[in-house]
Amino acid sequence: MIGTLAAAYAEAGQFANAVEAAHIAETLSSLTNRKDVATKYSKMRSLYEARMTPSTARLPDAAVYPATISRLTLSGLNFPFVFA
């Protein structure tokens, strides 16, 4: 849920709050031995630090799947992101 909050903050342009929430989500994931999830939150935090969101960033997946919808799974929920 904290990852969802981070994404909402970023989409609203509140990047400082997004970075903080993503950091908390990353830390909690690490503490519960969910390294795969922590890695996703780390990547999300890096985007927010660069003042970008998944919906506006051109990520490496875009080169493999141009103009398609990719799904990022956070906390068991699917969030669609369009890469142009």
PDB file of N, CA and C in Angstrom:
ATOM      1  N   MET A   1       0.812  -1.188   0.000  1.00  0.00           N
ATOM      2  CA  MET A   1       0.000   0.000   0.000  1.00  0.00           C
ATOM      3  C   MET A   1       0.863   1.263   0.000  1.00  0.00           C
ATOM      4  N   ILE A   2       2.026   1.181   0.628  1.00  0.00           N
ATOM      5  CA  ILE A   2       2.903   2.348   0.663  1.00  0.00           C
ATOM      6  C   ILE A   2       3.439   2.641  -0.738  1.00  0.00           C
ATOM      7  N   GLY A   3       3.678   1.585  -1.522  1.00  0.00           N
ATOM      8  CA  GLY A   3       4.115   1.771  -2.901  1.00  0.00           C
ATOM      9  C   GLY A   3       3.056   2.464  -3.742  1.00  0.00           C
ATOM     10  N   THR A   4       1.808   2.144  -3.487  1.00  0.00           N
ATOM     11  CA  THR A   4       0.710   2.800  -4.187  1.00  0.00           C
ATOM     12  C   THR A   4       0.644   4.274  -3.800  1.00  0.00           C
ATOM     13  N   LEU A   5       0.859   4.555  -2.540  1.00  0.00           N
ATOM     14  CA  LEU A   5       0.889   5.935  -2.075  1.00  0.00           C
ATOM     15  C   LEU A   5       2.028   6.689  -2.756  1.00  0.00           C
ATOM     16  N   ALA A   6       3.192   6.057  -2.855  1.00  0.00           N
ATOM     17  CA  ALA A   6       4.335   6.688  -3.521  1.00  0.00           C
ATOM     18  C   ALA A   6       3.999   7.020  -4.971  1.00  0.00           C
ATOM     19  N   ALA A   7       3.360   6.085  -5.657  1.00  0.00           N
ATOM     20  CA  ALA A   7       2.982   6.313  -7.057  1.00  0.00           C
ATOM     21  C   ALA A   7       1.986   7.461  -7.172  1.00  0.00           C
ATOM     22  N   ALA A   8       1.045   7.513  -6.251  1.00  0.00           N
ATOM     23  CA  ALA A   8       0.053   8.594  -6.268  1.00  0.00           C
ATOM     24  C   ALA A   8       0.716   9.947  -6.037  1.00  0.00           C
ATOM     25  N   TYR A   9       1.636   9.990  -5.084  1.00  0.00           N
ATOM     26  CA  TYR A   9       2.380  11.236  -4.843  1.00  0.00           C
ATOM     27  C   TYR A   9       3.119  11.673  -6.114  1.00  0.00           C
ATOM     28  N   ALA A  10       3.790  10.726  -6.759  1.00  0.00           N
ATOM     29  CA  ALA A  10       4.555  11.070  -7.966  1.00  0.00           C
ATOM     30  C   ALA A  10       3.639  11.580  -9.069  1.00  0.00           C
ATOM     31  N   GLU A  11       2.541  10.923  -9.285  1.00  0.00           N
ATOM     32  CA  GLU A  11       1.614  11.350 -10.336  1.00  0.00           C
ATOM     33  C   GLU A  11       1.046  12.733 -10.042  1.00  0.00           C
ATOM     34  N   ALA A  12       0.967  13.085  -8.751  1.00  0.00           N
ATOM     35  CA  ALA A  12       0.471  14.404  -8.356  1.00  0.00           C
ATOM     36  C   ALA A  12       1.581  15.453  -8.345  1.00  0.00           C
ATOM     37  N   GLY A  13       2.805  15.021  -8.692  1.00  0.00           N
ATOM     38  CA  GLY A  13       3.926  15.953  -8.734  1.00  0.00           C
ATOM     39  C   GLY A  13       4.579  16.198  -7.387  1.00  0.00           C
ATOM     40  N   GLN A  14       4.214  15.414  -6.392  1.00  0.00           N
ATOM     41  CA  GLN A  14       4.788  15.558  -5.049  1.00  0.00           C
ATOM     42  C   GLN A  14       5.944  14.560  -4.905  1.00  0.00           C
ATOM     43  N   PHE A  15       7.039  14.854  -5.606  1.00  0.00           N
ATOM     44  CA  PHE A  15       8.135  13.900  -5.720  1.00  0.00           C
ATOM     45  C   PHE A  15       8.881  13.668  -4.406  1.00  0.00           C
ATOM     46  N   ALA A  16       9.015  14.669  -3.565  1.00  0.00           N
ATOM     47  CA  ALA A  16       9.687  14.468  -2.275  1.00  0.00           C
ATOM     48  C   ALA A  16       8.929  13.444  -1.435  1.00  0.00           C
ATOM     49  N   ASN A  17       7.609  13.555  -1.410  1.00  0.00           N
ATOM     50  CA  ASN A  17       6.787  12.585  -0.683  1.00  0.00           C
ATOM     51  C   ASN A  17       6.854  11.211  -1.341  1.00  0.00           C
ATOM     52  N   ALA A  18       6.897  11.183  -2.667  1.00  0.00           N
ATOM     53  CA  ALA A  18       6.981   9.917  -3.394  1.00  0.00           C
ATOM     54  C   ALA A  18       8.285   9.198  -3.074  1.00  0.00           C
ATOM     55  N   VAL A  19       9.389   9.937  -3.057  1.00  0.00           N
ATOM     56  CA  VAL A  19      10.693   9.351  -2.733  1.00  0.00           C
ATOM     57  C   VAL A  19      10.670   8.772  -1.326  1.00  0.00           C
ATOM     58  N   GLU A  20      10.145   9.524  -0.380  1.00  0.00           N
ATOM     59  CA  GLU A  20      10.090   9.063   1.006  1.00  0.00           C
ATOM     60  C   GLU A  20       9.241   7.802   1.143  1.00  0.00           C
ATOM     61  N   ALA A  21       8.065   7.797   0.522  1.00  0.00           N
ATOM     62  CA  ALA A  21       7.181   6.630   0.611  1.00  0.00           C
ATOM     63  C   ALA A  21       7.809   5.413  -0.068  1.00  0.00           C
ATOM     64  N   ALA A  22       8.446   5.611  -1.210  1.00  0.00           N
ATOM     65  CA  ALA A  22       9.106   4.495  -1.900  1.00  0.00           C
ATOM     66  C   ALA A  22      10.261   3.951  -1.065  1.00  0.00           C
ATOM     67  N   HIS A  23      10.979   4.840  -0.400  1.00  0.00           N
ATOM     68  CA  HIS A  23      12.080   4.408   0.469  1.00  0.00           C
ATOM     69  C   HIS A  23      11.545   3.557   1.627  1.00  0.00           C
ATOM     70  N   ILE A  24      10.450   3.977   2.219  1.00  0.00           N
ATOM     71  CA  ILE A  24       9.839   3.207   3.308  1.00  0.00           C
ATOM     72  C   ILE A  24       9.396   1.838   2.795  1.00  0.00           C
ATOM     73  N   ALA A  25       8.761   1.808   1.627  1.00  0.00           N
ATOM     74  CA  ALA A  25       8.311   0.540   1.050  1.00  0.00           C
ATOM     75  C   ALA A  25       9.497  -0.377   0.755  1.00  0.00           C
ATOM     76  N   GLU A  26      10.572   0.205   0.236  1.00  0.00           N
ATOM     77  CA  GLU A  26      11.786  -0.569  -0.051  1.00  0.00           C
ATOM     78  C   GLU A  26      12.374  -1.145   1.242  1.00  0.00           C
ATOM     79  N   THR A  27      12.468  -0.329   2.270  1.00  0.00           N
ATOM     80  CA  THR A  27      13.025  -0.767   3.544  1.00  0.00           C
ATOM     81  C   THR A  27      12.184  -1.875   4.175  1.00  0.00           C
ATOM     82  N   LEU A  28      10.875  -1.687   4.183  1.00  0.00           N
ATOM     83  CA  LEU A  28       9.992  -2.710   4.755  1.00  0.00           C
ATOM     84  C   LEU A  28      10.080  -4.020   3.981  1.00  0.00           C
ATOM     85  N   SER A  29      10.183  -3.930   2.671  1.00  0.00           N
ATOM     86  CA  SER A  29      10.319  -5.136   1.843  1.00  0.00           C
ATOM     87  C   SER A  29      11.622  -5.856   2.157  1.00  0.00           C
ATOM     88  N   SER A  30      12.684  -5.097   2.320  1.00  0.00           N
ATOM     89  CA  SER A  30      13.983  -5.696   2.662  1.00  0.00           C
ATOM     90  C   SER A  30      13.935  -6.367   4.028  1.00  0.00           C
ATOM     91  N   LEU A  31      13.316  -5.706   4.979  1.00  0.00           N
ATOM     92  CA  LEU A  31      13.236  -6.250   6.342  1.00  0.00           C
ATOM     93  C   LEU A  31      12.419  -7.537   6.411  1.00  0.00           C
ATOM     94  N   THR A  32      11.497  -7.704   5.472  1.00  0.00           N
ATOM     95  CA  THR A  32      10.675  -8.917   5.445  1.00  0.00           C
ATOM     96  C   THR A  32      11.196  -9.926   4.423  1.00  0.00           C
ATOM     97  N   ASN A  33      12.467  -9.737   4.017  1.00  0.00           N
ATOM     98  CA  ASN A  33      13.135 -10.652   3.090  1.00  0.00           C
ATOM     99  C   ASN A  33      12.444 -10.766   1.731  1.00  0.00           C
ATOM    100  N   ARG A  34      11.816  -9.697   1.289  1.00  0.00           N
ATOM    101  CA  ARG A  34      11.213  -9.651  -0.051  1.00  0.00           C
ATOM    102  C   ARG A  34      12.129  -8.827  -0.947  1.00  0.00           C
ATOM    103  N   LYS A  35      13.305  -9.381  -1.235  1.00  0.00           N
ATOM    104  CA  LYS A  35      14.323  -8.656  -2.001  1.00  0.00           C
ATOM    105  C   LYS A  35      13.833  -8.297  -3.395  1.00  0.00           C
ATOM    106  N   ASP A  36      13.024  -9.163  -4.009  1.00  0.00           N
ATOM    107  CA  ASP A  36      12.499  -8.879  -5.346  1.00  0.00           C
ATOM    108  C   ASP A  36      11.597  -7.646  -5.326  1.00  0.00           C
ATOM    109  N   VAL A  37      10.767  -7.541  -4.316  1.00  0.00           N
ATOM    110  CA  VAL A  37       9.871  -6.394  -4.186  1.00  0.00           C
ATOM    111  C   VAL A  37      10.677  -5.147  -3.828  1.00  0.00           C
ATOM    112  N   ALA A  38      11.665  -5.315  -2.956  1.00  0.00           N
ATOM    113  CA  ALA A  38      12.522  -4.179  -2.577  1.00  0.00           C
ATOM    114  C   ALA A  38      13.232  -3.609  -3.797  1.00  0.00           C
ATOM    115  N   THR A  39      13.657  -4.475  -4.705  1.00  0.00           N
ATOM    116  CA  THR A  39      14.319  -4.024  -5.929  1.00  0.00           C
ATOM    117  C   THR A  39      13.368  -3.188  -6.785  1.00  0.00           C
ATOM    118  N   LYS A  40      12.127  -3.586  -6.877  1.00  0.00           N
ATOM    119  CA  LYS A  40      11.138  -2.815  -7.639  1.00  0.00           C
ATOM    120  C   LYS A  40      10.924  -1.432  -7.024  1.00  0.00           C
ATOM    121  N   TYR A  41      10.815  -1.396  -5.699  1.00  0.00           N
ATOM    122  CA  TYR A  41      10.632  -0.104  -5.031  1.00  0.00           C
ATOM    123  C   TYR A  41      11.868   0.772  -5.187  1.00  0.00           C
ATOM    124  N   SER A  42      13.040   0.167  -5.202  1.00  0.00           N
ATOM    125  CA  SER A  42      14.273   0.921  -5.411  1.00  0.00           C
ATOM    126  C   SER A  42      14.272   1.580  -6.787  1.00  0.00           C
ATOM    127  N   LYS A  43      13.845   0.834  -7.792  1.00  0.00           N
ATOM    128  CA  LYS A  43      13.757   1.386  -9.149  1.00  0.00           C
ATOM    129  C   LYS A  43      12.721   2.512  -9.215  1.00  0.00           C
ATOM    130  N   MET A  44      11.617   2.313  -8.528  1.00  0.00           N
ATOM    131  CA  MET A  44      10.586   3.344  -8.510  1.00  0.00           C
ATOM    132  C   MET A  44      11.123   4.603  -7.819  1.00  0.00           C
ATOM    133  N   ARG A  45      11.836   4.414  -6.713  1.00  0.00           N
ATOM    134  CA  ARG A  45      12.407   5.557  -5.984  1.00  0.00           C
ATOM    135  C   ARG A  45      13.373   6.328  -6.869  1.00  0.00           C
ATOM    136  N   SER A  46      14.166   5.617  -7.655  1.00  0.00           N
ATOM    137  CA  SER A  46      15.098   6.283  -8.571  1.00  0.00           C
ATOM    138  C   SER A  46      14.357   7.150  -9.589  1.00  0.00           C
ATOM    139  N   LEU A  47      13.241   6.648 -10.067  1.00  0.00           N
ATOM    140  CA  LEU A  47      12.420   7.452 -10.989  1.00  0.00           C
ATOM    141  C   LEU A  47      11.927   8.717 -10.306  1.00  0.00           C
ATOM    142  N   TYR A  48      11.411   8.573  -9.102  1.00  0.00           N
ATOM    143  CA  TYR A  48      10.868   9.719  -8.383  1.00  0.00           C
ATOM    144  C   TYR A  48      11.952  10.740  -8.063  1.00  0.00           C
ATOM    145  N   GLU A  49      13.157  10.255  -7.744  1.00  0.00           N
ATOM    146  CA  GLU A  49      14.264  11.169  -7.485  1.00  0.00           C
ATOM    147  C   GLU A  49      14.615  11.981  -8.725  1.00  0.00           C
ATOM    148  N   ALA A  50      14.379  11.398  -9.889  1.00  0.00           N
ATOM    149  CA  ALA A  50      14.619  12.095 -11.151  1.00  0.00           C
ATOM    150  C   ALA A  50      13.393  12.898 -11.597  1.00  0.00           C
ATOM    151  N   ARG A  51      12.399  12.977 -10.710  1.00  0.00           N
ATOM    152  CA  ARG A  51      11.156  13.705 -10.967  1.00  0.00           C
ATOM    153  C   ARG A  51      10.420  13.145 -12.189  1.00  0.00           C
ATOM    154  N   MET A  52      10.378  11.813 -12.263  1.00  0.00           N
ATOM    155  CA  MET A  52       9.664  11.107 -13.330  1.00  0.00           C
ATOM    156  C   MET A  52       8.702  10.106 -12.698  1.00  0.00           C
ATOM    157  N   THR A  53       7.744   9.681 -13.478  1.00  0.00           N
ATOM    158  CA  THR A  53       6.821   8.630 -13.068  1.00  0.00           C
ATOM    159  C   THR A  53       6.924   7.509 -14.096  1.00  0.00           C
ATOM    160  N   PRO A  54       6.476   6.305 -13.752  1.00  0.00           N
ATOM    161  CA  PRO A  54       6.516   5.226 -14.734  1.00  0.00           C
ATOM    162  C   PRO A  54       5.729   5.558 -16.009  1.00  0.00           C
ATOM    163  N   SER A  55       4.678   6.345 -15.868  1.00  0.00           N
ATOM    164  CA  SER A  55       3.877   6.675 -17.045  1.00  0.00           C
ATOM    165  C   SER A  55       4.547   7.715 -17.943  1.00  0.00           C
ATOM    166  N   THR A  56       5.550   8.420 -17.438  1.00  0.00           N
ATOM    167  CA  THR A  56       6.236   9.417 -18.258  1.00  0.00           C
ATOM    168  C   THR A  56       7.672   9.030 -18.576  1.00  0.00           C
ATOM    169  N   ALA A  57       8.202   8.023 -17.899  1.00  0.00           N
ATOM    170  CA  ALA A  57       9.602   7.623 -18.103  1.00  0.00           C
ATOM    171  C   ALA A  57       9.739   6.687 -19.283  1.00  0.00           C
ATOM    172  N   ARG A  58      10.865   6.772 -19.906  1.00  0.00           N
ATOM    173  CA  ARG A  58      11.201   5.829 -20.964  1.00  0.00           C
ATOM    174  C   ARG A  58      12.178   4.834 -20.351  1.00  0.00           C
ATOM    175  N   LEU A  59      11.638   3.691 -19.937  1.00  0.00           N
ATOM    176  CA  LEU A  59      12.424   2.671 -19.258  1.00  0.00           C
ATOM    177  C   LEU A  59      12.981   1.666 -20.270  1.00  0.00           C
ATOM    178  N   PRO A  60      13.956   0.853 -19.863  1.00  0.00           N
ATOM    179  CA  PRO A  60      14.533  -0.143 -20.767  1.00  0.00           C
ATOM    180  C   PRO A  60      13.499  -1.057 -21.410  1.00  0.00           C
ATOM    181  N   ASP A  61      12.399  -1.378 -20.706  1.00  0.00           N
ATOM    182  CA  ASP A  61      11.353  -2.221 -21.284  1.00  0.00           C
ATOM    183  C   ASP A  61      10.807  -1.622 -22.575  1.00  0.00           C
ATOM    184  N   ALA A  62      10.845  -0.311 -22.704  1.00  0.00           N
ATOM    185  CA  ALA A  62      10.285   0.346 -23.875  1.00  0.00           C
ATOM    186  C   ALA A  62      11.024  -0.068 -25.143  1.00  0.00           C
ATOM    187  N   ALA A  63      12.313  -0.354 -25.029  1.00  0.00           N
ATOM    188  CA  ALA A  63      13.078  -0.774 -26.196  1.00  0.00           C
ATOM    189  C   ALA A  63      12.679  -2.178 -26.632  1.00  0.00           C
ATOM    190  N   VAL A  64      12.285  -2.993 -25.679  1.00  0.00           N
ATOM    191  CA  VAL A  64      11.897  -4.363 -25.984  1.00  0.00           C
ATOM    192  C   VAL A  64      10.439  -4.445 -26.402  1.00  0.00           C
ATOM    193  N   TYR A  65       9.596  -3.656 -25.762  1.00  0.00           N
ATOM    194  CA  TYR A  65       8.163  -3.679 -26.032  1.00  0.00           C
ATOM    195  C   TYR A  65       7.676  -2.280 -26.395  1.00  0.00           C
ATOM    196  N   PRO A  66       8.061  -1.748 -27.538  1.00  0.00           N
ATOM    197  CA  PRO A  66       7.668  -0.369 -27.878  1.00  0.00           C
ATOM    198  C   PRO A  66       6.162  -0.215 -28.012  1.00  0.00           C
ATOM    199  N   ALA A  67       5.688   0.909 -27.497  1.00  0.00           N
ATOM    200  CA  ALA A  67       4.273   1.283 -27.599  1.00  0.00           C
ATOM    201  C   ALA A  67       3.333   0.186 -27.123  1.00  0.00           C
ATOM    202  N   THR A  68       3.731  -0.532 -26.091  1.00  0.00           N
ATOM    203  CA  THR A  68       2.856  -1.546 -25.511  1.00  0.00           C
ATOM    204  C   THR A  68       2.629  -1.223 -24.051  1.00  0.00           C
ATOM    205  N   ILE A  69       1.710  -1.947 -23.473  1.00  0.00           N
ATOM    206  CA  ILE A  69       1.448  -1.757 -22.055  1.00  0.00           C
ATOM    207  C   ILE A  69       2.204  -2.833 -21.293  1.00  0.00           C
ATOM    208  N   SER A  70       2.995  -2.387 -20.342  1.00  0.00           N
ATOM    209  CA  SER A  70       3.724  -3.298 -19.471  1.00  0.00           C
ATOM    210  C   SER A  70       3.061  -3.259 -18.116  1.00  0.00           C
ATOM    211  N   ARG A  71       3.158  -4.326 -17.376  1.00  0.00           N
ATOM    212  CA  ARG A  71       2.566  -4.360 -16.040  1.00  0.00           C
ATOM    213  C   ARG A  71       3.658  -4.494 -14.997  1.00  0.00           C
ATOM    214  N   LEU A  72       3.578  -3.634 -14.010  1.00  0.00           N
ATOM    215  CA  LEU A  72       4.492  -3.672 -12.882  1.00  0.00           C
ATOM    216  C   LEU A  72       3.687  -4.157 -11.694  1.00  0.00           C
ATOM    217  N   THR A  73       4.131  -5.216 -11.072  1.00  0.00           N
ATOM    218  CA  THR A  73       3.392  -5.780  -9.952  1.00  0.00           C
ATOM    219  C   THR A  73       3.998  -5.304  -8.644  1.00  0.00           C
ATOM    220  N   LEU A  74       3.201  -4.628  -7.856  1.00  0.00           N
ATOM    221  CA  LEU A  74       3.603  -4.162  -6.539  1.00  0.00           C
ATOM    222  C   LEU A  74       2.596  -4.680  -5.522  1.00  0.00           C
ATOM    223  N   SER A  75       3.072  -5.337  -4.535  1.00  0.00           N
ATOM    224  CA  SER A  75       2.225  -5.849  -3.454  1.00  0.00           C
ATOM    225  C   SER A  75       1.079  -6.708  -3.980  1.00  0.00           C
ATOM    226  N   GLY A  76       1.338  -7.457  -5.052  1.00  0.00           N
ATOM    227  CA  GLY A  76       0.321  -8.345  -5.584  1.00  0.00           C
ATOM    228  C   GLY A  76      -0.726  -7.666  -6.447  1.00  0.00           C
ATOM    229  N   LEU A  77      -0.607  -6.376  -6.677  1.00  0.00           N
ATOM    230  CA  LEU A  77      -1.562  -5.658  -7.514  1.00  0.00           C
ATOM    231  C   LEU A  77      -0.900  -5.309  -8.836  1.00  0.00           C
ATOM    232  N   ASN A  78      -1.648  -5.319  -9.902  1.00  0.00           N
ATOM    233  CA  ASN A  78      -1.107  -4.969 -11.208  1.00  0.00           C
ATOM    234  C   ASN A  78      -1.431  -3.529 -11.544  1.00  0.00           C
ATOM    235  N   PHE A  79      -0.429  -2.780 -11.972  1.00  0.00           N
ATOM    236  CA  PHE A  79      -0.580  -1.399 -12.375  1.00  0.00           C
ATOM    237  C   PHE A  79      -0.109  -1.287 -13.807  1.00  0.00           C
ATOM    238  N   PRO A  80      -0.980  -0.910 -14.751  1.00  0.00           N
ATOM    239  CA  PRO A  80      -0.524  -0.787 -16.140  1.00  0.00           C
ATOM    240  C   PRO A  80       0.202   0.522 -16.368  1.00  0.00           C
ATOM    241  N   PHE A  81       1.279   0.450 -17.112  1.00  0.00           N
ATOM    242  CA  PHE A  81       2.032   1.643 -17.477  1.00  0.00           C
ATOM    243  C   PHE A  81       2.281   1.590 -18.970  1.00  0.00           C
ATOM    244  N   VAL A  82       2.047   2.680 -19.658  1.00  0.00           N
ATOM    245  CA  VAL A  82       2.250   2.737 -21.102  1.00  0.00           C
ATOM    246  C   VAL A  82       3.628   3.320 -21.367  1.00  0.00           C
ATOM    247  N   PHE A  83       4.410   2.615 -22.174  1.00  0.00           N
ATOM    248  CA  PHE A  83       5.720   3.098 -22.575  1.00  0.00           C
ATOM    249  C   PHE A  83       5.635   3.505 -24.033  1.00  0.00           C
ATOM    250  N   ALA A  84       5.975   4.751 -24.320  1.00  0.00           N
ATOM    251  CA  ALA A  84       5.909   5.230 -25.708  1.00  0.00           C
ATOM    252  C   ALA A  84       7.279   5.305 -26.313  1.00  0.00           C
TER     253      ALA A  84
END
